Amino acid sequence: VVLCPFEDPTVRMRVVCFQAKVPSTGNQPLGQLFGSLDPVALGPLIACTDLSRLGGAEAAGIVEELMGLPSVAEEVLGAEVAAHLPAPPGLSPGHDLAPVRSPSGLNRLRHPDAVFFRDLEPVTALSGHTEGYMAAMAPEDVVQQFPCFRLPIVAALNWRSSRPTEGLSPSPTQRVRL
């Protein structure tokens, strides 16, 4: 999808949403969507990516088109947004859905999704809950609050500035996790 801001109809932003797969010769190349042949000509890019089939956001480097693209959550929050790891059906006694629990009794977490960008400046991102809170939740609460075992990633990006302006990007000591 190509978006055009109401404030400036000359700006074009490419937005790509996809589920990443293990690269193979049979996969359709994503190069045209990402503009890897001439990225400057296509302008800013936002890539909303489900990386769960690759093991999570940490494996984004496997996808050639994502290489070199910064993650909004990494840039703003310092880490990807965590979500619960769902147990396979029938594995949790008494529950159809439940999180995978570690031997210590805590919920296992993963980072299935990420938002990457090019030629934009990240301003903010919502981080959901702290990983400590999510790991310690009761399984019933997890299913009630996170029925799809995912958290939405909400971010604001400045399309008017393709380069970070001095003092606008938060330092690690200025980051606030709500």
N, C-alpha and C. Protein backbone atom coordinates (compact mmCIF):
# COMPACT_ATOMS: atom_id res chain seq x y z
N VAL A 1 0.85 -1.16 0.00
CA VAL A 1 0.00 0.00 0.00
C VAL A 1 0.90 1.23 0.00
N VAL A 2 0.52 2.21 -0.77
CA VAL A 2 1.25 3.47 -0.78
C VAL A 2 0.34 4.52 -0.17
N LEU A 3 0.82 5.17 0.90
CA LEU A 3 0.05 6.20 1.59
C LEU A 3 0.58 7.57 1.21
N CYS A 4 -0.33 8.53 1.22
CA CYS A 4 0.02 9.91 0.90
C CYS A 4 -0.53 10.79 2.02
N PRO A 5 0.33 11.50 2.77
CA PRO A 5 -0.17 12.37 3.83
C PRO A 5 -1.04 13.49 3.28
N PHE A 6 -2.10 13.80 3.99
CA PHE A 6 -3.00 14.87 3.59
C PHE A 6 -2.26 16.20 3.53
N GLU A 7 -1.31 16.40 4.46
CA GLU A 7 -0.58 17.67 4.55
C GLU A 7 0.36 17.91 3.37
N ASP A 8 0.84 16.84 2.75
CA ASP A 8 1.78 17.00 1.64
C ASP A 8 1.55 15.88 0.62
N PRO A 9 0.74 16.11 -0.38
CA PRO A 9 0.41 15.07 -1.37
C PRO A 9 1.59 14.62 -2.23
N THR A 10 2.73 15.29 -2.13
CA THR A 10 3.89 14.87 -2.92
C THR A 10 4.67 13.74 -2.24
N VAL A 11 4.42 13.53 -0.94
CA VAL A 11 5.12 12.49 -0.19
C VAL A 11 4.40 11.16 -0.38
N ARG A 12 5.16 10.12 -0.63
CA ARG A 12 4.62 8.77 -0.76
C ARG A 12 5.32 7.88 0.26
N MET A 13 4.52 7.16 1.07
CA MET A 13 5.07 6.22 2.04
C MET A 13 4.58 4.82 1.69
N ARG A 14 5.50 3.92 1.55
CA ARG A 14 5.16 2.53 1.24
C ARG A 14 4.99 1.78 2.56
N VAL A 15 3.86 1.06 2.71
CA VAL A 15 3.59 0.27 3.91
C VAL A 15 3.40 -1.17 3.47
N VAL A 16 4.19 -2.07 4.06
CA VAL A 16 4.16 -3.48 3.72
C VAL A 16 3.84 -4.26 4.99
N CYS A 17 2.83 -5.11 4.95
CA CYS A 17 2.50 -5.99 6.08
C CYS A 17 2.58 -7.42 5.57
N PHE A 18 3.39 -8.25 6.23
CA PHE A 18 3.54 -9.63 5.76
C PHE A 18 4.00 -10.55 6.87
N GLN A 19 3.80 -11.85 6.62
CA GLN A 19 4.29 -12.88 7.53
C GLN A 19 5.55 -13.46 6.90
N ALA A 20 6.66 -13.32 7.59
CA ALA A 20 7.94 -13.78 7.05
C ALA A 20 8.03 -15.30 7.10
N LYS A 21 8.66 -15.87 6.08
CA LYS A 21 8.90 -17.31 6.01
C LYS A 21 10.40 -17.54 5.91
N VAL A 22 10.79 -18.76 6.15
CA VAL A 22 12.19 -19.11 5.97
C VAL A 22 12.53 -18.92 4.50
N PRO A 23 13.56 -18.13 4.19
CA PRO A 23 13.89 -17.89 2.78
C PRO A 23 14.22 -19.18 2.04
N SER A 24 13.70 -19.28 0.82
CA SER A 24 14.02 -20.41 -0.04
C SER A 24 13.95 -19.93 -1.48
N THR A 25 14.38 -20.78 -2.38
CA THR A 25 14.37 -20.39 -3.79
C THR A 25 12.95 -20.36 -4.34
N GLY A 26 11.99 -21.02 -3.67
CA GLY A 26 10.60 -21.04 -4.14
C GLY A 26 9.79 -19.84 -3.69
N ASN A 27 10.31 -19.06 -2.75
CA ASN A 27 9.57 -17.89 -2.25
C ASN A 27 9.58 -16.77 -3.28
N GLN A 28 8.47 -16.03 -3.32
CA GLN A 28 8.43 -14.84 -4.16
C GLN A 28 9.34 -13.79 -3.55
N PRO A 29 10.20 -13.17 -4.32
CA PRO A 29 11.06 -12.13 -3.76
C PRO A 29 10.24 -10.91 -3.33
N LEU A 30 10.62 -10.33 -2.22
CA LEU A 30 9.93 -9.16 -1.70
C LEU A 30 10.59 -7.86 -2.15
N GLY A 31 11.62 -7.96 -2.95
CA GLY A 31 12.40 -6.80 -3.35
C GLY A 31 11.59 -5.68 -3.95
N GLN A 32 10.60 -5.99 -4.79
CA GLN A 32 9.80 -4.93 -5.39
C GLN A 32 8.96 -4.21 -4.35
N LEU A 33 8.40 -4.96 -3.41
CA LEU A 33 7.60 -4.33 -2.35
C LEU A 33 8.44 -3.39 -1.50
N PHE A 34 9.67 -3.82 -1.21
CA PHE A 34 10.54 -3.04 -0.35
C PHE A 34 11.36 -2.01 -1.11
N GLY A 35 11.36 -2.10 -2.41
CA GLY A 35 12.12 -1.14 -3.20
C GLY A 35 13.61 -1.35 -3.07
N SER A 36 14.05 -2.61 -2.96
CA SER A 36 15.48 -2.86 -2.75
C SER A 36 16.32 -2.51 -3.98
N LEU A 37 15.69 -2.40 -5.16
CA LEU A 37 16.46 -2.03 -6.34
C LEU A 37 16.82 -0.55 -6.32
N ASP A 38 15.88 0.29 -5.87
CA ASP A 38 16.12 1.73 -5.77
C ASP A 38 15.31 2.28 -4.60
N PRO A 39 15.77 2.05 -3.35
CA PRO A 39 14.98 2.44 -2.18
C PRO A 39 14.74 3.95 -2.07
N VAL A 40 15.65 4.76 -2.54
CA VAL A 40 15.49 6.22 -2.44
C VAL A 40 14.33 6.68 -3.31
N ALA A 41 14.17 6.10 -4.48
CA ALA A 41 13.10 6.51 -5.39
C ALA A 41 11.72 6.21 -4.82
N LEU A 42 11.61 5.18 -3.99
CA LEU A 42 10.31 4.81 -3.45
C LEU A 42 9.95 5.57 -2.19
N GLY A 43 10.90 6.25 -1.58
CA GLY A 43 10.61 7.05 -0.39
C GLY A 43 10.52 6.23 0.89
N PRO A 44 9.90 6.81 1.92
CA PRO A 44 9.82 6.15 3.23
C PRO A 44 9.11 4.80 3.17
N LEU A 45 9.51 3.91 4.09
CA LEU A 45 8.96 2.56 4.14
C LEU A 45 8.62 2.21 5.58
N ILE A 46 7.47 1.55 5.77
CA ILE A 46 7.09 0.96 7.06
C ILE A 46 6.78 -0.50 6.76
N ALA A 47 7.44 -1.41 7.47
CA ALA A 47 7.22 -2.85 7.28
C ALA A 47 6.71 -3.46 8.59
N CYS A 48 5.43 -3.85 8.60
CA CYS A 48 4.82 -4.50 9.75
C CYS A 48 4.94 -5.99 9.51
N THR A 49 5.67 -6.68 10.38
CA THR A 49 6.09 -8.04 10.08
C THR A 49 5.78 -9.02 11.19
N ASP A 50 5.15 -10.14 10.82
CA ASP A 50 4.94 -11.27 11.72
C ASP A 50 6.13 -12.21 11.50
N LEU A 51 7.00 -12.30 12.49
CA LEU A 51 8.21 -13.10 12.37
C LEU A 51 8.14 -14.39 13.19
N SER A 52 6.94 -14.79 13.59
CA SER A 52 6.79 -15.96 14.47
C SER A 52 7.28 -17.25 13.82
N ARG A 53 7.13 -17.39 12.51
CA ARG A 53 7.59 -18.62 11.83
C ARG A 53 9.11 -18.73 11.78
N LEU A 54 9.78 -17.61 11.99
CA LEU A 54 11.25 -17.62 11.99
C LEU A 54 11.83 -17.71 13.40
N GLY A 55 10.97 -17.66 14.40
CA GLY A 55 11.44 -17.69 15.77
C GLY A 55 11.30 -16.36 16.48
N GLY A 56 10.81 -15.35 15.80
CA GLY A 56 10.59 -14.05 16.43
C GLY A 56 11.39 -12.95 15.79
N ALA A 57 11.23 -11.76 16.35
CA ALA A 57 11.87 -10.56 15.81
C ALA A 57 13.39 -10.65 15.81
N GLU A 58 13.94 -11.44 16.69
CA GLU A 58 15.40 -11.59 16.75
C GLU A 58 15.96 -12.22 15.47
N ALA A 59 15.12 -12.91 14.71
CA ALA A 59 15.56 -13.58 13.48
C ALA A 59 15.29 -12.75 12.22
N ALA A 60 14.99 -11.47 12.37
CA ALA A 60 14.67 -10.63 11.21
C ALA A 60 15.80 -10.57 10.20
N GLY A 61 17.03 -10.72 10.64
CA GLY A 61 18.19 -10.67 9.74
C GLY A 61 18.20 -11.78 8.70
N ILE A 62 17.39 -12.81 8.90
CA ILE A 62 17.31 -13.90 7.93
C ILE A 62 16.61 -13.43 6.66
N VAL A 63 15.69 -12.48 6.81
CA VAL A 63 14.94 -11.96 5.66
C VAL A 63 15.76 -10.84 5.03
N GLU A 64 16.23 -11.08 3.84
CA GLU A 64 17.16 -10.16 3.18
C GLU A 64 16.61 -8.73 3.10
N GLU A 65 15.31 -8.59 2.83
CA GLU A 65 14.72 -7.26 2.67
C GLU A 65 14.66 -6.49 3.99
N LEU A 66 14.72 -7.17 5.12
CA LEU A 66 14.70 -6.50 6.42
C LEU A 66 16.09 -6.13 6.92
N MET A 67 17.12 -6.69 6.30
CA MET A 67 18.48 -6.42 6.74
C MET A 67 18.79 -4.93 6.65
N GLY A 68 19.29 -4.38 7.72
CA GLY A 68 19.65 -2.98 7.74
C GLY A 68 18.52 -2.04 8.11
N LEU A 69 17.28 -2.55 8.19
CA LEU A 69 16.17 -1.69 8.58
C LEU A 69 16.06 -1.69 10.11
N PRO A 70 15.98 -0.51 10.72
CA PRO A 70 15.83 -0.47 12.17
C PRO A 70 14.40 -0.80 12.59
N SER A 71 14.27 -1.32 13.80
CA SER A 71 12.97 -1.64 14.38
C SER A 71 12.50 -0.46 15.23
N VAL A 72 11.22 -0.09 15.12
CA VAL A 72 10.67 1.00 15.91
C VAL A 72 10.81 0.71 17.40
N ALA A 73 10.43 -0.49 17.83
CA ALA A 73 10.49 -0.82 19.26
C ALA A 73 11.93 -0.80 19.78
N GLU A 74 12.86 -1.34 19.00
CA GLU A 74 14.28 -1.32 19.42
C GLU A 74 14.78 0.11 19.55
N GLU A 75 14.44 0.96 18.59
CA GLU A 75 14.91 2.34 18.60
C GLU A 75 14.31 3.14 19.75
N VAL A 76 13.01 2.99 20.00
CA VAL A 76 12.32 3.82 20.98
C VAL A 76 12.35 3.21 22.38
N LEU A 77 12.08 1.90 22.48
CA LEU A 77 11.94 1.23 23.78
C LEU A 77 13.20 0.51 24.22
N GLY A 78 14.09 0.22 23.28
CA GLY A 78 15.30 -0.51 23.62
C GLY A 78 15.16 -2.01 23.50
N ALA A 79 13.94 -2.51 23.22
CA ALA A 79 13.69 -3.95 23.06
C ALA A 79 12.39 -4.14 22.30
N GLU A 80 12.24 -5.31 21.69
CA GLU A 80 11.00 -5.62 20.99
C GLU A 80 9.87 -5.84 21.99
N VAL A 81 8.63 -5.72 21.53
CA VAL A 81 7.45 -5.92 22.38
C VAL A 81 7.23 -7.42 22.57
N ALA A 82 7.14 -7.84 23.83
CA ALA A 82 7.00 -9.26 24.16
C ALA A 82 5.53 -9.68 24.17
N ALA A 83 5.30 -10.95 23.91
CA ALA A 83 3.97 -11.56 23.97
C ALA A 83 4.14 -12.97 24.56
N HIS A 84 3.04 -13.54 25.01
CA HIS A 84 3.08 -14.89 25.59
C HIS A 84 3.23 -15.93 24.49
N LEU A 85 3.90 -17.03 24.84
CA LEU A 85 4.05 -18.16 23.93
C LEU A 85 2.89 -19.10 24.19
N PRO A 86 2.00 -19.33 23.20
CA PRO A 86 0.85 -20.20 23.44
C PRO A 86 1.24 -21.68 23.47
N ALA A 87 0.62 -22.43 24.39
CA ALA A 87 0.86 -23.87 24.46
C ALA A 87 0.03 -24.55 23.38
N PRO A 88 0.52 -25.65 22.82
CA PRO A 88 -0.29 -26.39 21.84
C PRO A 88 -1.59 -26.87 22.49
N PRO A 89 -2.69 -26.95 21.72
CA PRO A 89 -3.96 -27.41 22.29
C PRO A 89 -3.82 -28.77 22.96
N GLY A 90 -4.46 -28.92 24.12
CA GLY A 90 -4.44 -30.18 24.85
C GLY A 90 -3.25 -30.35 25.77
N LEU A 91 -2.27 -29.45 25.71
CA LEU A 91 -1.08 -29.57 26.54
C LEU A 91 -1.33 -29.07 27.96
N SER A 92 -2.21 -28.10 28.10
CA SER A 92 -2.51 -27.52 29.41
C SER A 92 -3.78 -28.16 29.97
N PRO A 93 -3.66 -28.87 31.09
CA PRO A 93 -4.84 -29.55 31.66
C PRO A 93 -5.91 -28.54 32.07
N GLY A 94 -7.15 -28.80 31.63
CA GLY A 94 -8.27 -27.96 32.02
C GLY A 94 -8.43 -26.70 31.19
N HIS A 95 -7.53 -26.44 30.24
CA HIS A 95 -7.61 -25.22 29.42
C HIS A 95 -7.42 -25.59 27.96
N ASP A 96 -8.24 -24.98 27.09
CA ASP A 96 -8.02 -25.13 25.66
C ASP A 96 -6.86 -24.25 25.21
N LEU A 97 -6.77 -23.07 25.84
CA LEU A 97 -5.70 -22.14 25.54
C LEU A 97 -4.97 -21.81 26.83
N ALA A 98 -3.67 -21.76 26.76
CA ALA A 98 -2.86 -21.39 27.92
C ALA A 98 -1.46 -21.04 27.45
N PRO A 99 -0.75 -20.24 28.24
CA PRO A 99 0.64 -19.95 27.88
C PRO A 99 1.55 -21.13 28.27
N VAL A 100 2.67 -21.24 27.56
CA VAL A 100 3.69 -22.22 27.94
C VAL A 100 4.33 -21.73 29.22
N ARG A 101 4.48 -22.62 30.19
CA ARG A 101 5.07 -22.25 31.47
C ARG A 101 6.47 -22.86 31.56
N SER A 102 7.37 -22.15 32.19
CA SER A 102 8.74 -22.65 32.40
C SER A 102 8.74 -23.51 33.66
N PRO A 103 9.80 -24.28 33.89
CA PRO A 103 9.88 -25.09 35.11
C PRO A 103 9.76 -24.25 36.40
N SER A 104 10.13 -22.98 36.32
CA SER A 104 10.03 -22.11 37.50
C SER A 104 8.61 -21.62 37.74
N GLY A 105 7.68 -21.94 36.81
CA GLY A 105 6.29 -21.52 36.96
C GLY A 105 5.96 -20.21 36.28
N LEU A 106 6.94 -19.59 35.62
CA LEU A 106 6.68 -18.34 34.92
C LEU A 106 6.24 -18.62 33.48
N ASN A 107 5.53 -17.68 32.89
CA ASN A 107 5.11 -17.79 31.50
C ASN A 107 6.31 -17.53 30.59
N ARG A 108 6.41 -18.32 29.54
CA ARG A 108 7.46 -18.06 28.55
C ARG A 108 6.98 -16.98 27.60
N LEU A 109 7.90 -16.10 27.24
CA LEU A 109 7.56 -14.98 26.37
C LEU A 109 8.33 -15.08 25.07
N ARG A 110 7.83 -14.39 24.07
CA ARG A 110 8.47 -14.36 22.75
C ARG A 110 8.30 -12.96 22.18
N HIS A 111 8.92 -12.69 21.06
CA HIS A 111 8.82 -11.40 20.37
C HIS A 111 8.42 -11.70 18.93
N PRO A 112 7.13 -12.02 18.69
CA PRO A 112 6.73 -12.50 17.36
C PRO A 112 6.64 -11.43 16.28
N ASP A 113 6.39 -10.19 16.65
CA ASP A 113 6.11 -9.15 15.66
C ASP A 113 7.08 -7.99 15.79
N ALA A 114 7.24 -7.26 14.69
CA ALA A 114 8.09 -6.06 14.71
C ALA A 114 7.66 -5.12 13.60
N VAL A 115 7.93 -3.85 13.82
CA VAL A 115 7.68 -2.82 12.80
C VAL A 115 9.04 -2.21 12.45
N PHE A 116 9.40 -2.30 11.17
CA PHE A 116 10.67 -1.76 10.69
C PHE A 116 10.39 -0.53 9.83
N PHE A 117 11.41 0.30 9.64
CA PHE A 117 11.19 1.53 8.88
C PHE A 117 12.44 1.95 8.14
N ARG A 118 12.23 2.83 7.15
CA ARG A 118 13.33 3.44 6.39
C ARG A 118 12.92 4.87 6.05
N ASP A 119 13.83 5.80 6.17
CA ASP A 119 13.63 7.21 5.82
C ASP A 119 12.51 7.86 6.62
N LEU A 120 12.36 7.46 7.87
CA LEU A 120 11.41 8.05 8.81
C LEU A 120 12.11 8.18 10.15
N GLU A 121 11.53 8.97 11.03
CA GLU A 121 12.10 9.12 12.37
C GLU A 121 11.09 8.61 13.39
N PRO A 122 11.46 7.60 14.18
CA PRO A 122 10.53 7.11 15.20
C PRO A 122 10.37 8.14 16.31
N VAL A 123 9.13 8.39 16.70
CA VAL A 123 8.83 9.37 17.73
C VAL A 123 8.47 8.66 19.03
N THR A 124 7.57 7.68 18.95
CA THR A 124 7.15 6.95 20.14
C THR A 124 6.60 5.60 19.75
N ALA A 125 6.49 4.72 20.74
CA ALA A 125 5.89 3.40 20.56
C ALA A 125 5.26 2.99 21.89
N LEU A 126 4.13 2.31 21.81
CA LEU A 126 3.51 1.79 23.03
C LEU A 126 4.11 0.44 23.33
N SER A 127 4.45 0.23 24.58
CA SER A 127 5.20 -0.98 24.92
C SER A 127 4.37 -2.08 25.56
N GLY A 128 3.09 -1.87 25.79
CA GLY A 128 2.31 -2.93 26.43
C GLY A 128 2.64 -3.02 27.90
N HIS A 129 2.96 -4.21 28.36
CA HIS A 129 3.28 -4.46 29.76
C HIS A 129 4.75 -4.79 29.91
N THR A 130 5.26 -4.71 31.13
CA THR A 130 6.64 -5.12 31.37
C THR A 130 6.73 -6.64 31.23
N GLU A 131 7.89 -7.12 30.86
CA GLU A 131 8.06 -8.56 30.70
C GLU A 131 7.90 -9.29 32.03
N GLY A 132 8.30 -8.65 33.14
CA GLY A 132 8.13 -9.27 34.46
C GLY A 132 6.67 -9.49 34.80
N TYR A 133 5.84 -8.51 34.52
CA TYR A 133 4.40 -8.64 34.78
C TYR A 133 3.81 -9.75 33.92
N MET A 134 4.15 -9.77 32.64
CA MET A 134 3.59 -10.78 31.73
C MET A 134 4.04 -12.19 32.09
N ALA A 135 5.29 -12.32 32.52
CA ALA A 135 5.80 -13.65 32.87
C ALA A 135 5.13 -14.20 34.13
N ALA A 136 4.74 -13.32 35.04
CA ALA A 136 4.18 -13.76 36.32
C ALA A 136 2.65 -13.88 36.31
N MET A 137 1.99 -13.54 35.22
CA MET A 137 0.52 -13.59 35.17
C MET A 137 0.01 -15.02 35.32
N ALA A 138 -1.16 -15.16 35.96
CA ALA A 138 -1.81 -16.46 36.05
C ALA A 138 -2.29 -16.87 34.65
N PRO A 139 -2.22 -18.16 34.30
CA PRO A 139 -2.63 -18.60 32.96
C PRO A 139 -4.04 -18.16 32.57
N GLU A 140 -4.97 -18.16 33.53
CA GLU A 140 -6.35 -17.73 33.23
C GLU A 140 -6.38 -16.27 32.83
N ASP A 141 -5.56 -15.45 33.50
CA ASP A 141 -5.52 -14.02 33.19
C ASP A 141 -4.91 -13.78 31.80
N VAL A 142 -3.92 -14.59 31.46
CA VAL A 142 -3.29 -14.45 30.14
C VAL A 142 -4.32 -14.68 29.05
N VAL A 143 -5.09 -15.77 29.17
CA VAL A 143 -6.08 -16.11 28.16
C VAL A 143 -7.17 -15.04 28.09
N GLN A 144 -7.56 -14.50 29.24
CA GLN A 144 -8.60 -13.48 29.26
C GLN A 144 -8.12 -12.16 28.67
N GLN A 145 -6.90 -11.74 29.01
CA GLN A 145 -6.40 -10.44 28.55
C GLN A 145 -5.76 -10.48 27.17
N PHE A 146 -5.20 -11.64 26.80
CA PHE A 146 -4.50 -11.77 25.52
C PHE A 146 -5.00 -13.01 24.78
N PRO A 147 -6.28 -13.03 24.34
CA PRO A 147 -6.83 -14.26 23.75
C PRO A 147 -6.12 -14.73 22.49
N CYS A 148 -5.44 -13.84 21.77
CA CYS A 148 -4.72 -14.27 20.56
C CYS A 148 -3.21 -14.38 20.81
N PHE A 149 -2.79 -14.20 22.09
CA PHE A 149 -1.38 -14.31 22.47
C PHE A 149 -0.48 -13.37 21.67
N ARG A 150 -0.99 -12.20 21.33
CA ARG A 150 -0.23 -11.18 20.63
C ARG A 150 -0.53 -9.83 21.26
N LEU A 151 0.37 -8.89 21.13
CA LEU A 151 0.15 -7.51 21.54
C LEU A 151 0.26 -6.64 20.31
N PRO A 152 -0.63 -5.68 20.15
CA PRO A 152 -0.49 -4.78 19.00
C PRO A 152 0.72 -3.88 19.18
N ILE A 153 1.36 -3.55 18.10
CA ILE A 153 2.47 -2.61 18.13
C ILE A 153 1.96 -1.31 17.55
N VAL A 154 1.97 -0.28 18.36
CA VAL A 154 1.50 1.03 17.94
C VAL A 154 2.69 1.98 18.00
N ALA A 155 2.93 2.66 16.89
CA ALA A 155 4.09 3.55 16.82
C ALA A 155 3.74 4.82 16.07
N ALA A 156 4.46 5.87 16.40
CA ALA A 156 4.34 7.13 15.67
C ALA A 156 5.69 7.42 15.02
N LEU A 157 5.64 7.74 13.73
CA LEU A 157 6.86 8.03 12.98
C LEU A 157 6.72 9.41 12.34
N ASN A 158 7.81 10.16 12.36
CA ASN A 158 7.82 11.49 11.76
C ASN A 158 8.22 11.34 10.30
N TRP A 159 7.30 11.63 9.38
CA TRP A 159 7.58 11.50 7.96
C TRP A 159 8.23 12.75 7.39
N ARG A 160 8.23 13.83 8.15
CA ARG A 160 8.81 15.08 7.65
C ARG A 160 10.32 15.13 7.82
N SER A 161 10.86 14.27 8.65
CA SER A 161 12.30 14.27 8.90
C SER A 161 12.83 12.87 8.64
N SER A 162 13.69 12.72 7.67
CA SER A 162 14.26 11.41 7.38
C SER A 162 15.49 11.13 8.22
N ARG A 163 15.98 12.15 8.93
CA ARG A 163 17.14 11.98 9.79
C ARG A 163 16.78 12.42 11.21
N PRO A 164 17.25 11.66 12.22
CA PRO A 164 16.98 12.07 13.59
C PRO A 164 17.54 13.46 13.87
N THR A 165 16.75 14.29 14.50
CA THR A 165 17.19 15.62 14.89
C THR A 165 17.81 15.54 16.27
N GLU A 166 18.87 16.27 16.48
CA GLU A 166 19.58 16.28 17.76
C GLU A 166 18.59 16.55 18.89
N GLY A 167 18.60 15.67 19.89
CA GLY A 167 17.77 15.87 21.07
C GLY A 167 16.37 15.30 20.97
N LEU A 168 15.89 14.91 19.78
CA LEU A 168 14.54 14.36 19.67
C LEU A 168 14.47 12.88 19.98
N SER A 169 15.50 12.14 19.65
CA SER A 169 15.51 10.71 19.92
C SER A 169 15.86 10.49 21.39
N PRO A 170 15.01 9.73 22.13
CA PRO A 170 15.26 9.57 23.56
C PRO A 170 16.53 8.76 23.84
N SER A 171 17.28 9.22 24.83
CA SER A 171 18.45 8.44 25.26
C SER A 171 17.93 7.32 26.15
N PRO A 172 18.76 6.29 26.43
CA PRO A 172 18.31 5.20 27.28
C PRO A 172 17.80 5.68 28.65
N THR A 173 18.32 6.78 29.17
CA THR A 173 17.86 7.26 30.47
C THR A 173 16.55 8.02 30.37
N GLN A 174 16.14 8.43 29.16
CA GLN A 174 14.89 9.16 28.96
C GLN A 174 13.74 8.23 28.58
N ARG A 175 13.99 6.94 28.36
CA ARG A 175 12.95 6.01 27.97
C ARG A 175 12.05 5.70 29.17
N VAL A 176 10.78 5.67 28.93
CA VAL A 176 9.81 5.38 29.97
C VAL A 176 9.00 4.17 29.54
N ARG A 177 8.94 3.17 30.37
CA ARG A 177 8.15 1.98 30.07
C ARG A 177 6.92 2.01 30.95
N LEU A 178 5.74 2.07 30.33
CA LEU A 178 4.47 2.15 31.05
C LEU A 178 3.84 0.81 31.23
